[in-house]
Protein backbone atom coordinates (compact mmCIF):
# COMPACT_ATOMS: atom_id res chain seq x y z
CA GLU A 1 -11.36 -7.11 10.22
CA MET A 2 -9.10 -7.23 7.20
CA LEU A 3 -10.94 -10.19 5.58
CA GLN A 4 -14.45 -8.89 6.49
CA SER A 5 -13.50 -5.68 4.63
CA LEU A 6 -12.63 -7.41 1.60
CA LEU A 7 -15.71 -9.53 1.53
CA GLU A 8 -17.96 -6.18 2.07
CA GLN A 9 -16.55 -4.71 -1.30
CA THR A 10 -19.36 -4.33 -3.80
CA GLU A 11 -17.24 -5.69 -6.67
CA ARG A 12 -18.61 -9.10 -7.99
CA ASP A 13 -15.63 -10.15 -9.86
CA LEU A 14 -13.20 -10.39 -6.62
CA GLU A 15 -10.34 -12.55 -6.32
CA ILE A 16 -8.71 -12.48 -2.85
CA LEU A 17 -5.26 -13.88 -2.50
CA LEU A 18 -4.13 -14.46 1.06
CA ILE A 19 -0.33 -14.77 1.10
CA ASN A 20 1.04 -15.96 4.35
CA ASP A 21 4.53 -14.92 4.58
CA GLY A 22 5.49 -17.64 7.17
CA SER A 23 3.47 -16.55 10.20
CA THR A 24 3.68 -18.38 13.46
CA ASP A 25 0.50 -16.84 15.03
CA SER A 26 -3.07 -18.23 14.29
CA SER A 27 -3.20 -16.47 10.90
CA ALA A 28 -3.10 -19.82 8.89
CA ASP A 29 -6.01 -21.17 10.78
CA ILE A 30 -7.96 -18.00 10.14
CA CYS A 31 -7.16 -17.83 6.34
CA LYS A 32 -7.72 -21.63 5.76
CA ALA A 33 -11.24 -21.25 7.31
CA ALA A 34 -11.92 -18.18 5.24
CA ALA A 35 -10.89 -19.90 2.07
CA GLN A 36 -13.13 -22.97 2.73
CA GLU A 37 -16.15 -20.82 3.35
CA ASP A 38 -15.64 -18.49 0.24
CA VAL A 39 -14.54 -19.79 -3.22
CA ARG A 40 -13.10 -16.17 -4.07
CA ILE A 41 -10.51 -16.68 -1.33
CA ARG A 42 -7.17 -18.61 -2.22
CA TYR A 43 -4.62 -19.30 0.70
CA VAL A 44 -1.06 -19.59 -0.05
CA PHE A 45 1.49 -20.09 2.31
CA GLN A 46 5.47 -19.54 1.55
CA GLN A 47 8.35 -19.48 3.93
CA ASN A 48 9.11 -16.23 5.34
CA ALA A 49 10.82 -14.15 2.68
CA GLY A 50 9.64 -10.56 3.36
CA VAL A 51 7.13 -8.15 2.15
CA SER A 52 8.09 -7.69 -1.20
CA ALA A 53 8.33 -11.62 -1.95
CA ALA A 54 4.73 -11.79 -0.50
CA ARG A 55 3.37 -9.11 -2.73
CA ASN A 56 5.12 -10.24 -5.69
CA ARG A 57 3.92 -13.87 -5.26
CA ALA A 58 0.26 -12.34 -5.22
CA LEU A 59 1.19 -10.74 -8.64
CA THR A 60 2.30 -13.87 -10.22
CA LEU A 61 -1.05 -15.55 -9.18
CA ALA A 62 -3.47 -12.64 -9.70
CA LYS A 63 -6.01 -13.30 -12.73
CA GLY A 64 -7.74 -9.85 -12.94
CA GLU A 65 -6.98 -6.53 -14.75
CA TYR A 66 -6.39 -4.74 -11.63
CA ILE A 67 -4.53 -5.40 -8.19
CA ALA A 68 -5.00 -3.97 -4.73
CA PHE A 69 -2.86 -4.53 -1.79
CA LEU A 70 -4.02 -4.92 1.97
CA ASP A 71 -1.73 -5.54 4.71
CA ALA A 72 -3.08 -7.93 7.54
CA ASP A 73 -3.60 -5.27 10.29
CA ASP A 74 -5.45 -2.51 7.94
CA TRP A 75 -8.80 -2.68 6.74
CA TRP A 76 -11.18 -0.89 3.78
CA GLU A 77 -14.44 1.02 3.98
CA SER A 78 -17.19 -0.44 1.67
CA GLY A 79 -17.44 0.76 -1.79
CA LYS A 80 -13.42 1.63 -1.92
CA LEU A 81 -12.71 -0.57 -4.89
CA LYS A 82 -15.78 0.58 -6.82
CA GLU A 83 -14.79 4.32 -6.34
CA GLN A 84 -11.14 3.65 -7.26
CA LEU A 85 -12.01 1.83 -10.61
CA LYS A 86 -14.24 4.71 -11.45
CA ARG A 87 -11.60 7.19 -10.92
CA LEU A 88 -9.16 5.31 -12.85
CA GLU A 89 -11.59 5.16 -15.73
CA GLU A 90 -12.25 8.83 -15.61
CA THR A 91 -8.61 9.85 -15.61
CA GLY A 92 -6.86 7.09 -17.58
CA TYR A 93 -4.17 6.64 -14.91
CA VAL A 94 -2.87 3.48 -13.90
CA LEU A 95 -2.73 3.74 -10.49
CA CYS A 96 -5.05 5.22 -7.69
CA SER A 97 -4.87 5.74 -3.91
CA THR A 98 -7.08 7.11 -0.96
CA GLY A 99 -6.98 9.09 2.05
CA ARG A 100 -6.46 7.00 5.36
CA GLU A 101 -7.76 7.26 9.02
CA LEU A 102 -5.22 6.43 11.66
CA MET A 103 -6.27 3.76 14.11
CA LYS A 104 -4.77 2.85 17.37
CA ALA A 105 -3.51 -0.79 17.99
CA ASP A 106 -7.00 -1.84 19.44
CA GLY A 107 -8.54 -0.79 16.37
CA SER A 108 -10.13 2.34 17.69
CA SER A 109 -9.64 5.83 15.94
CA THR A 110 -7.18 8.30 16.70
CA GLY A 111 -9.38 10.98 15.13
CA ARG A 112 -6.60 11.87 12.75
CA THR A 113 -6.73 11.39 8.83
CA ILE A 114 -4.13 11.78 6.25
CA PRO A 115 -5.48 13.54 2.89
CA VAL A 116 -4.48 12.73 -0.55
CA LYS A 117 -4.48 14.98 -3.50
CA GLU A 118 -6.72 14.18 -6.36
CA LYS A 119 -3.63 14.29 -8.71
CA ILE A 120 -0.13 13.20 -7.61
CA THR A 121 2.81 13.76 -9.75
CA TYR A 122 6.32 12.30 -9.85
CA ARG A 123 7.89 15.71 -8.38
CA GLU A 124 5.36 15.65 -5.58
CA LEU A 125 5.97 12.16 -4.89
CA LEU A 126 9.70 12.70 -4.56
CA LYS A 127 8.98 15.33 -1.82
CA HIS A 128 6.84 12.93 0.39
CA ASN A 129 5.08 9.46 -0.12
CA SER A 130 1.48 10.25 -0.12
CA ILE A 131 0.40 6.93 -1.47
CA ASN A 132 -0.07 4.37 1.15
CA CYS A 133 0.34 0.78 -0.04
CA SER A 134 -2.84 -0.63 1.54
CA SER A 135 -4.82 2.09 -0.13
CA VAL A 136 -3.19 1.39 -3.84
CA ILE A 137 -5.28 -0.22 -6.66
CA LEU A 138 -3.26 -0.19 -9.89
CA ARG A 139 -3.27 -2.10 -13.30
CA ARG A 140 -2.01 -5.69 -12.86
CA ASP A 141 0.42 -5.39 -15.74
CA VAL A 142 1.97 -2.24 -14.54
CA ALA A 143 2.79 -3.91 -11.02
CA ARG A 144 4.27 -6.61 -12.83
CA GLU A 145 6.22 -4.42 -14.85
CA PHE A 146 7.66 -2.86 -11.50
CA PRO A 147 7.65 -5.55 -8.92
CA MET A 148 8.60 -4.68 -5.35
CA GLU A 149 12.21 -4.78 -4.04
CA HIS A 150 14.72 -3.62 -1.58
CA ASP A 151 13.09 -4.61 1.69
CA ASP A 152 15.73 -2.83 3.44
CA SER A 153 14.12 0.35 2.41
CA HIS A 154 10.30 1.47 1.69
CA GLU A 155 9.84 -1.15 -1.05
CA ASP A 156 6.49 0.36 -2.00
CA TYR A 157 7.51 3.87 -2.21
CA ILE A 158 10.44 2.83 -4.62
CA THR A 159 7.74 1.20 -6.84
CA TRP A 160 5.59 4.32 -6.99
CA LEU A 161 8.28 6.39 -8.09
CA LYS A 162 9.16 4.04 -10.73
CA ILE A 163 5.79 3.80 -11.72
CA LEU A 164 4.89 7.68 -11.74
CA ARG A 165 8.43 8.31 -13.50
CA LYS A 166 7.18 6.22 -16.49
CA TYR A 167 3.49 6.87 -16.52
CA GLY A 168 2.96 10.38 -15.40
CA CYS A 169 0.37 11.02 -12.52
CA ALA A 170 -1.50 8.95 -10.16
CA ALA A 171 -5.10 9.55 -8.96
CA GLY A 172 -6.30 10.16 -5.49
CA ILE A 173 -9.62 9.89 -3.70
CA ASN A 174 -9.50 12.39 -0.74
CA LYS A 175 -11.67 10.04 1.65
CA PRO A 176 -10.22 7.79 4.23
CA TYR A 177 -11.48 4.45 2.56
CA LEU A 178 -8.26 2.85 4.34
CA LYS A 179 -8.37 2.30 7.94
CA TYR A 180 -4.47 2.31 8.85
CA ARG A 181 -3.41 0.50 11.98
CA LEU A 182 -0.52 2.14 14.15
CA SER A 183 0.60 -0.98 15.45
CA GLU A 184 3.92 -1.07 17.61
CA GLY A 185 5.51 -3.72 15.60
CA GLY A 186 4.84 -1.76 12.51
CA LYS A 187 7.81 -1.23 9.88
CA SER A 188 7.67 2.44 9.98
CA ARG A 189 7.11 3.17 13.74
CA ASN A 190 10.84 3.15 14.60
CA LYS A 191 11.21 6.52 13.24
CA LEU A 192 15.19 6.71 13.01
CA LYS A 193 15.06 3.47 11.13
CA SER A 194 12.44 4.75 8.67
CA ALA A 195 14.32 7.83 8.20
CA ALA A 196 17.19 5.68 6.95
CA MET A 197 15.14 3.43 4.84
CA THR A 198 13.61 6.78 3.25
CA TYR A 199 17.25 8.18 2.44
CA ASN A 200 17.77 4.72 0.75
CA VAL A 201 14.75 5.09 -1.44
CA TYR A 202 16.22 7.88 -3.24
CA ARG A 203 19.56 6.18 -3.51
CA TYR A 204 17.70 3.03 -4.94
CA ALA A 205 15.85 5.64 -7.32
CA GLY A 206 19.18 6.46 -8.84
CA TYR A 207 19.87 9.85 -7.23
CA GLY A 208 23.16 11.11 -5.72
CA ARG A 209 24.07 11.79 -1.99
CA ILE A 210 23.31 15.36 -2.33
CA ARG A 211 19.91 15.19 -4.04
CA SER A 212 18.88 12.51 -2.02
CA CYS A 213 19.68 14.46 1.27
CA ILE A 214 17.49 17.40 -0.37
CA PHE A 215 14.55 15.06 -1.16
CA PHE A 216 14.98 13.53 2.31
CA CYS A 217 14.53 17.06 4.06
CA SER A 218 11.41 17.66 2.20
CA TYR A 219 10.30 14.20 3.07
CA ALA A 220 10.91 14.79 6.99
CA VAL A 221 9.36 18.15 6.93
CA HIS A 222 6.07 16.65 5.22
CA GLY A 223 6.23 13.73 7.94
CA ILE A 224 6.27 15.92 10.85
CA TRP A 225 3.26 17.92 9.36
CA LYS A 226 1.58 14.70 8.48
CA TYR A 227 1.49 13.00 12.00
CA PHE A 228 1.26 16.33 13.97
CA HIS A 229 -0.98 18.86 12.03
């Protein structure tokens, strides 16, 4: 589903980098077959090194002006990249995210969507992470300036904070172009562990314990609203 959604994007100059971070399932066979069938696809295997290393590996290989991330269990609606590139051109921002629809593990819809504001500021992002990694498109040079790190935390959230701290605002398209699968093995499904990881985000961002606790409380309130509103 992920691969098919990439191939259905309307952008002609599309480079697809499939980074296999040491998987032990049938992912390798699927990716190799896809790479043989489409010249736009490049398959890369690496020994398991974590999600940050996998995304950073893609950054070193990518040739385009922009880069977008898509996890293996998520997928996009057709037209996502086209609309995001248009929004970046209109706003002059370096990063754009979209809304997302929450999907069950079997791929069917939960009926819930998570909206995103058309303009996301650094101060707003500190209160809660409204930027989902699989929805993001950003300038490649900016992504390389702030590579992902700290897999013991929410590595993408740390990167968005660094980017907005320097470049100001991010753009948002409030349409669920991203279909986000709620898999049982997902990194954020363990809420206690995810909470500790979120607190670590603020510490890695350079904030003291008190301010980190304040930001975390705001994050928790927004998280409850997001999934139960």
